Amino acid sequence: MSVFKRLSQVFQQKTNAALDKVEDPTQALDLSYQKMMENLQQVRRSIADVLTSQKRLEAQKAQLQSQYEKLQGQARQALQQGQDDLARTALERAQGVKGQVDALAPQIDQLRAQEESLEDTGRKLQAKLEVFRTQRETMKAQYTAAKASTAAVENLSGLSEHMTDVNMMMDRAQDKITQLQARAAAVGELSDSGVLDSLTMGGPSDDIEAKLKAGQTQPSVDYELEAMKAELNAGTTPQATAEIAPAPAEAAPAAPDAPDAPAAPDAPAAAAPSGDTMVIRIAGEGLFRVPTSIKPALDALDSAMDTAIEHNEAKSFATCTAQLASLIATSGTKLDENEIVKSDLVVPSQDMTIDEAKQLLAAD
């Protein structure tokens, strides 16, 4: 598994663990009860709005009915005075008002039906809310009791966090005592044998120091191979390759009389997603959308970083992270921090040290 894939899995594991740790069932129950209360209030407001519209239409209908009756009276009065044309005009207007009154009647009936439906919904929601309130209190009591019982049993059995810390401190104290006793015995034995009085320790004739210096001058063939791959795939210059390659004085010391280790195979990065782009998260720096055409360069840098970690090459690892950040920044586009996008890869940040990378990979 590649460094990028393992780093992505570590990031997801730590995120899920953090969410599980902060989640509180009692708070989740309270939030659900609050949302149900808000829904009930919304239904009640809707009932009030519908009833308001109904009353407004009823008032409008009553006003039109009054106008209709007034026009009817005016028509009778005109006939009594012998003004047939005026009576006809009054009757025509009365017929128009009558049509408006008749059109308002079904609208009022429809609003009345909606009001009754909302009231029925509100009653059902109120009953459901009462049941959930009882269940919520019961579940909160059960959770509190279970939590208290678990804490009591852990304290009794020594599995609680406090007791675990006490046991670990006692174990560390015992280890230190044993180590000091062993060191005192070793120093006493060396003092009695006269080894500590030797003047040749660390001098020019020290054969161990000579072997260590000879081992430091041996270049790492594995790392040079990966650096060349990174150069060919990422399009780096010979100067950048010289910066990646470890200096002879900083190469990892080779064990004496040990055969040369075979070159590590290329560790494939995570599979590229379908499409022309992929989303990469630089730890602590944000998300970038980059073209999938840079995947060979990512694979080469992934292998080079894996080799640097294996040989404990801090300077080479830092150079790889810098080239990785530059490759992503120059070939891709940084996404908005508020945009929620799933990342296809998680890569180390430019300021991540080799020790931090080892800790993350060890936690995988």
Protein backbone atom coordinates (compact mmCIF):
# COMPACT_ATOMS: atom_id res chain seq x y z
CA MET A 1 0.00 0.00 0.00
CA SER A 2 1.34 3.45 -0.96
CA VAL A 3 2.15 6.26 1.45
CA PHE A 4 -0.72 8.40 0.12
CA LYS A 5 -3.31 5.62 0.53
CA ARG A 6 -2.16 4.78 4.05
CA LEU A 7 -2.14 8.46 5.01
CA SER A 8 -5.71 8.83 3.69
CA GLN A 9 -6.88 5.89 5.79
CA VAL A 10 -5.18 7.28 8.91
CA PHE A 11 -6.89 10.64 8.36
CA GLN A 12 -10.33 8.99 8.02
CA GLN A 13 -9.78 6.76 11.07
CA LYS A 14 -8.81 9.70 13.28
CA THR A 15 -11.80 11.75 12.06
CA ASN A 16 -14.28 8.94 12.82
CA ALA A 17 -12.70 8.33 16.22
CA ALA A 18 -12.96 12.03 17.11
CA LEU A 19 -16.65 12.14 16.12
CA ASP A 20 -17.47 9.01 18.13
CA LYS A 21 -15.70 10.46 21.15
CA VAL A 22 -17.60 13.79 21.21
CA GLU A 23 -21.04 12.35 20.36
CA ASP A 24 -23.43 12.32 23.36
CA PRO A 25 -26.69 10.29 23.09
CA THR A 26 -28.47 12.50 25.64
CA GLN A 27 -27.72 15.62 23.61
CA ALA A 28 -28.90 13.86 20.44
CA LEU A 29 -32.22 13.01 22.15
CA ASP A 30 -32.65 16.60 23.34
CA LEU A 31 -31.96 17.90 19.83
CA SER A 32 -34.56 15.53 18.33
CA TYR A 33 -37.15 16.64 20.90
CA GLN A 34 -36.40 20.29 20.13
CA LYS A 35 -36.85 19.71 16.39
CA MET A 36 -40.22 18.00 17.00
CA MET A 37 -41.30 20.98 19.12
CA GLU A 38 -40.30 23.33 16.30
CA ASN A 39 -42.34 21.25 13.81
CA LEU A 40 -45.39 21.44 16.11
CA GLN A 41 -45.02 25.22 16.38
CA GLN A 42 -44.74 25.46 12.60
CA VAL A 43 -48.01 23.50 12.21
CA ARG A 44 -49.72 25.80 14.68
CA ARG A 45 -48.49 28.87 12.80
CA SER A 46 -49.78 27.36 9.57
CA ILE A 47 -53.22 26.82 11.15
CA ALA A 48 -53.28 30.46 12.22
CA ASP A 49 -52.30 31.61 8.70
CA VAL A 50 -55.01 29.49 7.05
CA LEU A 51 -57.63 30.66 9.53
CA THR A 52 -56.61 34.28 8.90
CA SER A 53 -57.07 33.82 5.14
CA GLN A 54 -60.45 32.16 5.74
CA LYS A 55 -61.67 35.02 7.90
CA ARG A 56 -60.48 37.55 5.33
CA LEU A 57 -62.48 35.82 2.55
CA GLU A 58 -65.55 35.54 4.78
CA ALA A 59 -65.37 39.28 5.50
CA GLN A 60 -65.01 40.00 1.79
CA LYS A 61 -68.00 37.75 1.05
CA ALA A 62 -70.11 39.52 3.68
CA GLN A 63 -69.18 42.90 2.19
CA LEU A 64 -70.14 41.76 -1.32
CA GLN A 65 -73.40 40.29 -0.03
CA SER A 66 -74.24 43.61 1.57
CA GLN A 67 -73.45 45.40 -1.69
CA TYR A 68 -75.69 42.93 -3.57
CA GLU A 69 -78.63 43.57 -1.27
CA LYS A 70 -78.10 47.34 -1.58
CA LEU A 71 -78.22 47.15 -5.40
CA GLN A 72 -81.37 45.05 -5.21
CA GLY A 73 -83.01 47.74 -3.06
CA GLN A 74 -81.90 50.47 -5.46
CA ALA A 75 -83.43 48.57 -8.37
CA ARG A 76 -86.82 48.35 -6.56
CA GLN A 77 -86.69 52.03 -5.68
CA ALA A 78 -85.98 52.96 -9.34
CA LEU A 79 -88.96 50.88 -10.51
CA GLN A 80 -91.20 52.59 -8.02
CA GLN A 81 -90.11 55.96 -9.49
CA GLY A 82 -90.68 54.72 -13.02
CA GLN A 83 -86.96 54.75 -13.99
CA ASP A 84 -86.67 51.39 -15.76
CA ASP A 85 -83.21 52.06 -17.24
CA LEU A 86 -81.74 52.89 -13.81
CA ALA A 87 -83.36 49.79 -12.35
CA ARG A 88 -81.82 47.65 -15.13
CA THR A 89 -78.37 49.11 -14.41
CA ALA A 90 -78.70 48.36 -10.71
CA LEU A 91 -79.77 44.78 -11.45
CA GLU A 92 -76.82 44.24 -13.83
CA ARG A 93 -74.38 45.38 -11.17
CA ALA A 94 -76.14 43.20 -8.62
CA GLN A 95 -75.67 40.17 -10.88
CA GLY A 96 -71.89 40.87 -11.13
CA VAL A 97 -71.60 41.13 -7.38
CA LYS A 98 -73.58 37.91 -7.02
CA GLY A 99 -71.05 36.12 -9.23
CA GLN A 100 -68.19 37.26 -6.98
CA VAL A 101 -70.06 36.06 -3.89
CA ASP A 102 -70.66 32.67 -5.49
CA ALA A 103 -66.92 32.41 -6.44
CA LEU A 104 -65.79 33.09 -2.87
CA ALA A 105 -67.91 30.34 -1.37
CA PRO A 106 -65.82 27.32 -2.62
CA GLN A 107 -62.58 29.09 -1.68
CA ILE A 108 -63.82 29.56 1.86
CA ASP A 109 -64.86 25.91 2.01
CA GLN A 110 -61.41 24.82 0.76
CA LEU A 111 -59.63 26.89 3.41
CA ARG A 112 -61.93 25.47 6.09
CA ALA A 113 -61.01 21.93 4.98
CA GLN A 114 -57.29 22.79 5.06
CA GLU A 115 -57.68 24.19 8.56
CA GLU A 116 -59.35 21.01 9.78
CA SER A 117 -56.60 18.89 8.17
CA LEU A 118 -53.86 20.95 9.82
CA GLU A 119 -55.59 20.75 13.17
CA ASP A 120 -55.76 16.97 12.85
CA THR A 121 -52.05 16.87 11.94
CA GLY A 122 -51.24 19.07 14.92
CA ARG A 123 -53.14 16.76 17.28
CA LYS A 124 -51.28 13.71 15.96
CA LEU A 125 -47.93 15.46 16.22
CA GLN A 126 -48.75 16.57 19.77
CA ALA A 127 -49.54 12.95 20.74
CA LYS A 128 -46.33 11.73 19.14
CA LEU A 129 -44.38 14.42 20.94
CA GLU A 130 -45.79 13.32 24.30
CA VAL A 131 -44.78 9.70 23.61
CA PHE A 132 -41.27 10.74 22.53
CA ARG A 133 -40.88 12.91 25.64
CA THR A 134 -41.47 9.86 27.85
CA GLN A 135 -39.14 7.72 25.75
CA ARG A 136 -36.48 10.42 25.82
CA GLU A 137 -36.47 10.64 29.60
CA THR A 138 -36.40 6.84 29.88
CA MET A 139 -33.49 6.47 27.45
CA LYS A 140 -31.53 9.27 29.13
CA ALA A 141 -32.01 7.59 32.50
CA GLN A 142 -30.90 4.24 31.06
CA TYR A 143 -27.83 5.80 29.46
CA THR A 144 -26.86 7.61 32.67
CA ALA A 145 -27.30 4.43 34.71
CA ALA A 146 -25.29 2.35 32.22
CA LYS A 147 -22.51 4.94 32.16
CA ALA A 148 -22.34 5.06 35.95
CA SER A 149 -22.40 1.27 36.19
CA THR A 150 -19.62 0.97 33.63
CA ALA A 151 -17.47 3.51 35.50
CA ALA A 152 -18.02 1.70 38.80
CA VAL A 153 -17.11 -1.70 37.34
CA GLU A 154 -14.01 -0.29 35.61
CA ASN A 155 -12.83 1.32 38.83
CA LEU A 156 -13.41 -1.93 40.69
CA SER A 157 -11.60 -4.05 38.09
CA GLY A 158 -8.78 -1.53 37.51
CA LEU A 159 -9.75 -0.85 33.88
CA SER A 160 -10.66 2.80 34.37
CA GLU A 161 -8.50 5.51 32.82
CA HIS A 162 -7.26 6.65 36.24
CA MET A 163 -6.33 3.16 37.34
CA THR A 164 -4.71 2.48 33.98
CA ASP A 165 -2.52 5.58 34.41
CA VAL A 166 -1.56 4.44 37.90
CA ASN A 167 -0.65 0.96 36.66
CA MET A 168 1.36 2.38 33.76
CA MET A 169 3.28 4.71 36.08
CA MET A 170 4.09 1.78 38.36
CA ASP A 171 5.26 -0.28 35.36
CA ARG A 172 7.46 2.58 34.12
CA ALA A 173 8.91 3.05 37.59
CA GLN A 174 9.72 -0.65 37.79
CA ASP A 175 11.33 -0.55 34.34
CA LYS A 176 13.50 2.40 35.36
CA ILE A 177 14.54 0.64 38.55
CA THR A 178 15.47 -2.51 36.60
CA GLN A 179 17.36 -0.45 33.99
CA LEU A 180 19.32 1.47 36.63
CA GLN A 181 20.16 -1.73 38.47
CA ALA A 182 21.37 -3.34 35.24
CA ARG A 183 23.42 -0.26 34.32
CA ALA A 184 24.98 -0.11 37.78
CA ALA A 185 25.97 -3.77 37.48
CA ALA A 186 27.39 -3.24 33.97
CA VAL A 187 29.39 -0.17 34.94
CA GLY A 188 30.73 -1.97 37.99
CA GLU A 189 31.80 -4.96 35.88
CA LEU A 190 33.52 -2.72 33.30
CA SER A 191 35.25 -0.77 36.05
CA ASP A 192 36.53 -3.96 37.64
CA SER A 193 37.78 -5.29 34.31
CA GLY A 194 39.67 -2.05 33.53
CA VAL A 195 37.94 -1.46 30.17
CA LEU A 196 36.86 2.04 31.16
CA ASP A 197 40.50 2.99 31.75
CA SER A 198 41.55 2.16 28.15
CA LEU A 199 43.04 5.11 26.28
CA THR A 200 42.36 3.67 22.81
CA MET A 201 38.56 4.00 23.00
CA GLY A 202 37.52 6.48 20.33
CA GLY A 203 41.11 7.09 19.23
CA PRO A 204 42.57 6.90 15.75
CA SER A 205 42.95 3.11 16.02
CA ASP A 206 39.26 2.53 16.86
CA ASP A 207 38.17 -0.10 14.29
CA ILE A 208 34.45 0.41 15.04
CA GLU A 209 34.60 4.13 14.19
CA ALA A 210 36.47 3.35 10.97
CA LYS A 211 33.78 0.88 9.88
CA LEU A 212 31.03 3.40 10.67
CA LYS A 213 32.75 6.09 8.57
CA ALA A 214 33.24 3.64 5.72
CA GLY A 215 29.56 2.73 5.86
CA GLN A 216 28.54 6.39 5.66
CA THR A 217 30.38 6.85 2.36
CA GLN A 218 28.34 4.14 0.63
CA PRO A 219 25.54 5.75 -1.42
CA SER A 220 21.99 4.46 -1.24
CA VAL A 221 21.35 2.76 -4.58
CA ASP A 222 17.67 2.31 -3.76
CA TYR A 223 17.12 5.99 -3.19
CA GLU A 224 19.04 7.09 -6.28
CA LEU A 225 16.85 4.80 -8.40
CA GLU A 226 13.65 6.31 -6.99
CA ALA A 227 15.02 9.85 -7.43
CA MET A 228 15.72 9.13 -11.11
CA LYS A 229 12.15 7.85 -11.54
CA ALA A 230 10.79 11.00 -9.92
CA GLU A 231 12.94 13.11 -12.26
CA LEU A 232 11.71 11.31 -15.40
CA ASN A 233 8.03 11.30 -14.45
CA ALA A 234 7.73 14.73 -12.81
CA GLY A 235 9.91 16.51 -15.39
CA THR A 236 12.44 17.80 -12.84
CA THR A 237 15.78 19.36 -13.81
CA PRO A 238 19.17 17.81 -13.07
CA GLN A 239 19.63 20.44 -10.34
CA ALA A 240 16.41 19.32 -8.63
CA THR A 241 17.62 15.71 -8.85
CA ALA A 242 20.89 16.72 -7.23
CA GLU A 243 18.88 18.27 -4.39
CA ILE A 244 16.86 15.08 -3.94
CA ALA A 245 19.85 12.71 -3.94
CA PRO A 246 21.32 12.30 -0.46
CA ALA A 247 24.82 13.57 0.14
CA PRO A 248 27.40 10.87 0.94
CA ALA A 249 27.93 12.24 4.46
CA GLU A 250 24.17 12.05 5.20
CA ALA A 251 23.53 8.56 3.83
CA ALA A 252 22.17 5.96 6.25
CA PRO A 253 25.01 3.82 7.66
CA ALA A 254 25.08 0.37 6.21
CA ALA A 255 25.42 -2.59 8.51
CA PRO A 256 28.85 -4.17 8.23
CA ASP A 257 29.13 -7.39 6.22
CA ALA A 258 25.47 -7.04 5.16
CA PRO A 259 24.55 -7.69 1.49
CA ASP A 260 23.20 -4.85 -0.58
CA ALA A 261 19.43 -4.59 -0.21
CA PRO A 262 17.54 -5.00 -3.53
CA ALA A 263 15.84 -1.95 -4.90
CA ALA A 264 12.30 -1.61 -3.57
CA PRO A 265 9.56 -1.96 -6.21
CA ASP A 266 7.54 1.09 -7.06
CA ALA A 267 4.78 1.50 -4.49
CA PRO A 268 1.65 2.39 -6.49
CA ALA A 269 -0.32 5.38 -5.34
CA ALA A 270 -4.06 5.17 -4.88
CA ALA A 271 -5.97 4.40 -8.04
CA ALA A 272 -6.85 7.51 -10.01
CA PRO A 273 -10.58 8.33 -10.04
CA SER A 274 -12.60 8.25 -13.20
CA GLY A 275 -12.55 11.47 -15.20
CA ASP A 276 -9.87 13.97 -16.09
CA THR A 277 -9.32 15.40 -12.58
CA MET A 278 -8.83 14.19 -9.02
CA VAL A 279 -9.02 15.89 -5.61
CA ILE A 280 -5.92 15.82 -3.38
CA ARG A 281 -5.80 17.04 0.22
CA ILE A 282 -2.46 18.40 1.47
CA ALA A 283 -2.58 17.77 5.21
CA GLY A 284 -3.18 21.07 6.99
CA GLU A 285 -3.14 23.16 3.77
CA GLY A 286 -6.47 22.41 2.00
CA LEU A 287 -7.89 20.71 -1.10
CA PHE A 288 -6.60 20.92 -4.68
CA ARG A 289 -8.19 19.71 -7.92
CA VAL A 290 -5.46 18.45 -10.24
CA PRO A 291 -5.46 16.67 -13.61
CA THR A 292 -5.00 12.90 -13.58
CA SER A 293 -2.10 13.32 -16.01
CA ILE A 294 0.24 14.01 -13.06
CA LYS A 295 -0.40 10.59 -11.55
CA PRO A 296 2.91 9.11 -12.87
CA ALA A 297 4.77 11.96 -11.16
CA LEU A 298 2.81 11.33 -7.94
CA ASP A 299 3.71 7.62 -8.11
CA ALA A 300 7.39 8.44 -8.52
CA LEU A 301 7.39 10.88 -5.60
CA ASP A 302 5.46 8.36 -3.52
CA SER A 303 8.15 5.73 -4.12
CA ALA A 304 10.92 8.23 -3.42
CA MET A 305 9.30 9.25 -0.11
CA ASP A 306 8.82 5.60 0.85
CA THR A 307 12.52 4.95 0.20
CA ALA A 308 13.52 8.07 2.16
CA ILE A 309 11.45 6.91 5.14
CA GLU A 310 12.91 3.42 4.91
CA HIS A 311 16.50 4.79 4.96
CA ASN A 312 15.68 7.58 7.46
CA GLU A 313 16.75 10.32 5.02
CA ALA A 314 15.25 13.45 6.60
CA LYS A 315 16.68 15.90 4.07
CA SER A 316 15.58 13.82 1.09
CA PHE A 317 12.10 13.41 2.60
CA ALA A 318 11.82 17.21 3.02
CA THR A 319 12.88 17.72 -0.61
CA CYS A 320 10.21 15.24 -1.77
CA THR A 321 7.46 16.97 0.21
CA ALA A 322 8.51 20.34 -1.21
CA GLN A 323 8.45 18.99 -4.78
CA LEU A 324 5.09 17.32 -4.09
CA ALA A 325 3.53 20.57 -2.83
CA SER A 326 4.98 22.49 -5.80
CA LEU A 327 3.68 19.89 -8.28
CA ILE A 328 0.15 20.01 -6.86
CA ALA A 329 0.05 23.82 -6.52
CA THR A 330 1.36 24.53 -10.03
CA SER A 331 -0.69 21.91 -11.87
CA GLY A 332 -3.95 22.18 -9.92
CA THR A 333 -6.43 24.65 -8.48
CA LYS A 334 -7.05 25.17 -4.76
CA LEU A 335 -10.67 24.63 -3.74
CA ASP A 336 -12.68 26.84 -1.40
CA GLU A 337 -12.42 25.86 2.27
CA ASN A 338 -16.23 25.91 2.63
CA GLU A 339 -16.70 23.53 -0.31
CA ILE A 340 -17.46 19.96 0.85
CA VAL A 341 -15.60 17.59 -1.53
CA LYS A 342 -14.39 14.06 -0.89
CA SER A 343 -10.63 13.79 -1.36
CA ASP A 344 -9.18 11.01 -3.50
CA LEU A 345 -5.74 11.25 -1.86
CA VAL A 346 -4.25 12.75 1.33
CA VAL A 347 -0.57 13.69 0.99
CA PRO A 348 1.93 15.04 3.56
CA SER A 349 2.30 18.78 4.01
CA GLN A 350 5.48 20.58 3.04
CA ASP A 351 6.48 21.15 6.67
CA MET A 352 5.86 17.54 7.81
CA THR A 353 9.00 15.96 9.23
CA ILE A 354 10.08 12.40 8.64
CA ASP A 355 9.44 11.57 12.31
CA GLU A 356 5.84 12.79 12.03
CA ALA A 357 5.36 10.69 8.90
CA LYS A 358 6.70 7.61 10.69
CA GLN A 359 4.29 8.19 13.59
CA LEU A 360 1.32 8.49 11.22
CA LEU A 361 2.30 5.35 9.33
CA ALA A 362 2.89 3.48 12.58
CA ALA A 363 -0.63 4.41 13.72
CA ASP A 364 -2.10 2.90 10.54
